[in-house]
Each structure stands twice: as C-alpha cells, then as structure tokens.
Amino acid sequence: MSPFLDVITIVCLTALFVGAALCLHRILIGPDAADRAVALDTLTMVFIGIISILCMRWDSTLYFDAVWILTLVGYLGSAAIALYLEKGRIF
C-alpha cells in the first residue's frame, strides 16, 4: 500500500470512528424514537464503511460477505422500524 493511501485510510477510519461515537451518543440520549432509528441506521452504514476500509488496508476480501449481510440487515431493520413508528405494528 502506498504511503498516501495509508494516510488517507487512517484519516477515514478516524472520521468513521468519530461518527460512530456520535451515533452511539444519539442512540443513548436521543429525545425521540425516530432520532434513535435514524442514528441506528447511520451507525450501520458507518460500520459498513469501517469494514470496507479495513478490508482495503489489510488487502483482503474476506469480510466483504459481512458487508453484504450487514447492508441487507440494516435495510430490513430500518424498514421495520419505520413501519412500526408509522403504524404502531410491523405486520
């Protein structure tokens, strides 16, 4: 890996970890259930970014399956939470 790419990935990982900390703060302190749902969805996307950058740093494709599964679970979870908040029930 080139030194430039090494520095850029470290900066991106730092920004993603700060974003994850802010999302966790919003999940714990959030004034409303909708705020917590948005923060949880954002946290899922941050974890996907962290896993992707770590795969790039480690020069491995081993965890890309986890990225696909986390993307699917995050989408379905967000849809279920949105339905619950709108109608009061999922089904």
N, C-alpha and C. Protein backbone atom coordinates (compact mmCIF):
# COMPACT_ATOMS: atom_id res chain seq x y z
N MET A 1 0.85 -1.16 0.00
CA MET A 1 0.00 0.00 0.00
C MET A 1 0.91 1.24 0.00
N SER A 2 0.51 2.21 -0.78
CA SER A 2 1.31 3.43 -0.87
C SER A 2 1.18 4.25 0.41
N PRO A 3 2.17 5.06 0.72
CA PRO A 3 2.09 5.89 1.93
C PRO A 3 0.92 6.87 1.90
N PHE A 4 0.60 7.40 0.73
CA PHE A 4 -0.52 8.33 0.61
C PHE A 4 -1.83 7.62 0.95
N LEU A 5 -2.03 6.43 0.40
CA LEU A 5 -3.24 5.67 0.68
C LEU A 5 -3.31 5.24 2.14
N ASP A 6 -2.16 4.97 2.73
CA ASP A 6 -2.11 4.61 4.14
C ASP A 6 -2.60 5.76 5.01
N VAL A 7 -2.16 6.98 4.72
CA VAL A 7 -2.58 8.15 5.49
C VAL A 7 -4.07 8.42 5.28
N ILE A 8 -4.53 8.31 4.05
CA ILE A 8 -5.94 8.57 3.75
C ILE A 8 -6.85 7.58 4.45
N THR A 9 -6.48 6.31 4.49
CA THR A 9 -7.32 5.32 5.17
C THR A 9 -7.34 5.56 6.68
N ILE A 10 -6.22 6.00 7.24
CA ILE A 10 -6.21 6.31 8.68
C ILE A 10 -7.12 7.50 8.97
N VAL A 11 -7.08 8.52 8.13
CA VAL A 11 -7.95 9.68 8.31
C VAL A 11 -9.42 9.27 8.18
N CYS A 12 -9.73 8.45 7.20
CA CYS A 12 -11.11 8.00 7.00
C CYS A 12 -11.59 7.14 8.17
N LEU A 13 -10.74 6.25 8.67
CA LEU A 13 -11.12 5.43 9.82
C LEU A 13 -11.35 6.29 11.06
N THR A 14 -10.52 7.30 11.25
CA THR A 14 -10.70 8.20 12.38
C THR A 14 -12.04 8.94 12.27
N ALA A 15 -12.35 9.44 11.09
CA ALA A 15 -13.62 10.13 10.90
C ALA A 15 -14.81 9.19 11.11
N LEU A 16 -14.69 7.95 10.65
CA LEU A 16 -15.78 7.00 10.84
C LEU A 16 -15.96 6.63 12.31
N PHE A 17 -14.86 6.49 13.05
CA PHE A 17 -14.99 6.20 14.48
C PHE A 17 -15.60 7.37 15.24
N VAL A 18 -15.28 8.58 14.86
CA VAL A 18 -15.91 9.75 15.48
C VAL A 18 -17.41 9.75 15.15
N GLY A 19 -17.74 9.45 13.91
CA GLY A 19 -19.15 9.36 13.53
C GLY A 19 -19.89 8.26 14.28
N ALA A 20 -19.22 7.14 14.50
CA ALA A 20 -19.84 6.05 15.27
C ALA A 20 -20.08 6.47 16.71
N ALA A 21 -19.14 7.20 17.29
CA ALA A 21 -19.32 7.68 18.66
C ALA A 21 -20.48 8.65 18.75
N LEU A 22 -20.62 9.53 17.77
CA LEU A 22 -21.73 10.48 17.76
C LEU A 22 -23.08 9.76 17.59
N CYS A 23 -23.08 8.72 16.75
CA CYS A 23 -24.32 7.94 16.57
C CYS A 23 -24.69 7.21 17.86
N LEU A 24 -23.71 6.64 18.54
CA LEU A 24 -23.99 5.98 19.81
C LEU A 24 -24.53 6.97 20.84
N HIS A 25 -23.99 8.17 20.84
CA HIS A 25 -24.50 9.20 21.74
C HIS A 25 -25.96 9.53 21.43
N ARG A 26 -26.29 9.64 20.14
CA ARG A 26 -27.66 9.95 19.75
C ARG A 26 -28.60 8.78 20.07
N ILE A 27 -28.11 7.55 19.96
CA ILE A 27 -28.94 6.39 20.30
C ILE A 27 -29.25 6.38 21.80
N LEU A 28 -28.27 6.70 22.62
CA LEU A 28 -28.46 6.67 24.06
C LEU A 28 -29.23 7.87 24.59
N ILE A 29 -29.01 9.05 24.02
CA ILE A 29 -29.58 10.28 24.55
C ILE A 29 -30.76 10.79 23.72
N GLY A 30 -30.94 10.24 22.53
CA GLY A 30 -31.93 10.77 21.59
C GLY A 30 -33.28 11.06 22.22
N PRO A 31 -33.86 12.23 21.92
CA PRO A 31 -35.12 12.60 22.56
C PRO A 31 -36.33 11.85 22.02
N ASP A 32 -36.21 11.26 20.86
CA ASP A 32 -37.38 10.65 20.23
C ASP A 32 -36.98 9.31 19.63
N ALA A 33 -37.96 8.44 19.41
CA ALA A 33 -37.68 7.13 18.82
C ALA A 33 -37.22 7.26 17.37
N ALA A 34 -37.73 8.25 16.67
CA ALA A 34 -37.31 8.44 15.28
C ALA A 34 -35.84 8.86 15.21
N ASP A 35 -35.38 9.68 16.15
CA ASP A 35 -33.97 10.06 16.19
C ASP A 35 -33.09 8.85 16.44
N ARG A 36 -33.52 7.99 17.32
CA ARG A 36 -32.76 6.76 17.60
C ARG A 36 -32.73 5.84 16.39
N ALA A 37 -33.82 5.76 15.65
CA ALA A 37 -33.88 4.91 14.47
C ALA A 37 -32.93 5.41 13.38
N VAL A 38 -32.91 6.71 13.17
CA VAL A 38 -32.01 7.29 12.18
C VAL A 38 -30.56 7.09 12.59
N ALA A 39 -30.27 7.26 13.88
CA ALA A 39 -28.91 7.06 14.37
C ALA A 39 -28.48 5.60 14.23
N LEU A 40 -29.38 4.67 14.46
CA LEU A 40 -29.06 3.26 14.30
C LEU A 40 -28.78 2.92 12.83
N ASP A 41 -29.57 3.48 11.93
CA ASP A 41 -29.34 3.27 10.50
C ASP A 41 -28.00 3.87 10.07
N THR A 42 -27.70 5.05 10.58
CA THR A 42 -26.42 5.68 10.26
C THR A 42 -25.25 4.89 10.83
N LEU A 43 -25.42 4.35 12.03
CA LEU A 43 -24.37 3.54 12.64
C LEU A 43 -24.11 2.27 11.83
N THR A 44 -25.15 1.70 11.28
CA THR A 44 -24.97 0.53 10.41
C THR A 44 -24.13 0.89 9.18
N MET A 45 -24.42 2.03 8.58
CA MET A 45 -23.65 2.45 7.41
C MET A 45 -22.20 2.79 7.78
N VAL A 46 -22.00 3.33 8.97
CA VAL A 46 -20.63 3.62 9.42
C VAL A 46 -19.85 2.32 9.60
N PHE A 47 -20.48 1.30 10.18
CA PHE A 47 -19.81 0.01 10.33
C PHE A 47 -19.48 -0.61 8.98
N ILE A 48 -20.35 -0.43 8.01
CA ILE A 48 -20.07 -0.94 6.67
C ILE A 48 -18.84 -0.24 6.09
N GLY A 49 -18.76 1.07 6.29
CA GLY A 49 -17.58 1.81 5.83
C GLY A 49 -16.32 1.39 6.53
N ILE A 50 -16.39 1.16 7.84
CA ILE A 50 -15.21 0.71 8.59
C ILE A 50 -14.73 -0.64 8.10
N ILE A 51 -15.63 -1.57 7.91
CA ILE A 51 -15.25 -2.90 7.43
C ILE A 51 -14.65 -2.81 6.04
N SER A 52 -15.23 -1.99 5.17
CA SER A 52 -14.70 -1.86 3.82
C SER A 52 -13.30 -1.27 3.80
N ILE A 53 -13.07 -0.24 4.60
CA ILE A 53 -11.74 0.37 4.63
C ILE A 53 -10.72 -0.57 5.25
N LEU A 54 -11.12 -1.32 6.28
CA LEU A 54 -10.20 -2.28 6.87
C LEU A 54 -9.85 -3.40 5.88
N CYS A 55 -10.81 -3.82 5.08
CA CYS A 55 -10.51 -4.81 4.04
C CYS A 55 -9.51 -4.26 3.03
N MET A 56 -9.64 -3.00 2.70
CA MET A 56 -8.70 -2.38 1.78
C MET A 56 -7.31 -2.27 2.41
N ARG A 57 -7.24 -1.89 3.69
CA ARG A 57 -5.95 -1.78 4.37
C ARG A 57 -5.27 -3.13 4.51
N TRP A 58 -6.04 -4.17 4.80
CA TRP A 58 -5.48 -5.50 5.01
C TRP A 58 -5.29 -6.27 3.70
N ASP A 59 -5.69 -5.67 2.58
CA ASP A 59 -5.60 -6.31 1.27
C ASP A 59 -6.28 -7.68 1.28
N SER A 60 -7.51 -7.69 1.77
CA SER A 60 -8.27 -8.93 1.92
C SER A 60 -9.70 -8.71 1.46
N THR A 61 -10.28 -9.76 0.92
CA THR A 61 -11.69 -9.72 0.54
C THR A 61 -12.53 -10.63 1.44
N LEU A 62 -11.96 -11.02 2.55
CA LEU A 62 -12.59 -11.99 3.44
C LEU A 62 -13.88 -11.46 4.06
N TYR A 63 -13.93 -10.19 4.41
CA TYR A 63 -15.07 -9.66 5.14
C TYR A 63 -16.10 -8.97 4.27
N PHE A 64 -15.96 -9.04 2.95
CA PHE A 64 -16.95 -8.40 2.10
C PHE A 64 -18.30 -9.10 2.17
N ASP A 65 -18.33 -10.38 2.51
CA ASP A 65 -19.60 -11.06 2.73
C ASP A 65 -20.32 -10.46 3.94
N ALA A 66 -19.56 -10.11 4.96
CA ALA A 66 -20.17 -9.46 6.13
C ALA A 66 -20.76 -8.11 5.75
N VAL A 67 -20.12 -7.41 4.82
CA VAL A 67 -20.65 -6.13 4.36
C VAL A 67 -22.00 -6.32 3.67
N TRP A 68 -22.11 -7.33 2.83
CA TRP A 68 -23.38 -7.60 2.15
C TRP A 68 -24.48 -7.94 3.15
N ILE A 69 -24.16 -8.79 4.11
CA ILE A 69 -25.16 -9.21 5.10
C ILE A 69 -25.56 -8.03 5.98
N LEU A 70 -24.59 -7.23 6.40
CA LEU A 70 -24.90 -6.07 7.23
C LEU A 70 -25.74 -5.04 6.47
N THR A 71 -25.49 -4.90 5.19
CA THR A 71 -26.29 -3.99 4.36
C THR A 71 -27.74 -4.47 4.30
N LEU A 72 -27.94 -5.75 4.08
CA LEU A 72 -29.29 -6.30 4.00
C LEU A 72 -30.01 -6.19 5.34
N VAL A 73 -29.34 -6.56 6.40
CA VAL A 73 -29.97 -6.49 7.73
C VAL A 73 -30.26 -5.04 8.11
N GLY A 74 -29.37 -4.13 7.79
CA GLY A 74 -29.60 -2.72 8.08
C GLY A 74 -30.79 -2.17 7.34
N TYR A 75 -30.94 -2.54 6.07
CA TYR A 75 -32.07 -2.05 5.29
C TYR A 75 -33.39 -2.62 5.83
N LEU A 76 -33.42 -3.92 6.08
CA LEU A 76 -34.65 -4.53 6.58
C LEU A 76 -35.00 -4.01 7.98
N GLY A 77 -33.99 -3.79 8.80
CA GLY A 77 -34.25 -3.24 10.13
C GLY A 77 -34.79 -1.83 10.07
N SER A 78 -34.24 -1.02 9.17
CA SER A 78 -34.73 0.35 9.02
C SER A 78 -36.16 0.37 8.51
N ALA A 79 -36.47 -0.51 7.58
CA ALA A 79 -37.85 -0.57 7.07
C ALA A 79 -38.81 -1.02 8.16
N ALA A 80 -38.41 -1.99 8.96
CA ALA A 80 -39.28 -2.47 10.04
C ALA A 80 -39.49 -1.39 11.10
N ILE A 81 -38.44 -0.67 11.45
CA ILE A 81 -38.58 0.40 12.45
C ILE A 81 -39.47 1.52 11.90
N ALA A 82 -39.32 1.85 10.63
CA ALA A 82 -40.15 2.90 10.04
C ALA A 82 -41.63 2.49 10.03
N LEU A 83 -41.90 1.23 9.69
CA LEU A 83 -43.30 0.76 9.72
C LEU A 83 -43.86 0.78 11.14
N TYR A 84 -43.04 0.39 12.09
CA TYR A 84 -43.51 0.37 13.47
C TYR A 84 -43.78 1.79 13.97
N LEU A 85 -42.91 2.72 13.64
CA LEU A 85 -43.12 4.09 14.09
C LEU A 85 -44.33 4.74 13.41
N GLU A 86 -44.59 4.33 12.17
CA GLU A 86 -45.72 4.94 11.45
C GLU A 86 -47.06 4.35 11.88
N LYS A 87 -47.14 3.02 11.94
CA LYS A 87 -48.44 2.37 12.18
C LYS A 87 -48.61 1.77 13.57
N GLY A 88 -47.51 1.63 14.31
CA GLY A 88 -47.60 1.02 15.64
C GLY A 88 -47.48 -0.49 15.60
N ARG A 89 -47.35 -1.06 14.43
CA ARG A 89 -47.17 -2.51 14.28
C ARG A 89 -46.37 -2.75 13.00
N ILE A 90 -45.76 -3.93 12.92
CA ILE A 90 -44.93 -4.23 11.74
C ILE A 90 -45.74 -4.95 10.68
N PHE A 91 -46.58 -5.91 11.09
CA PHE A 91 -47.34 -6.69 10.11
C PHE A 91 -48.77 -6.25 10.07
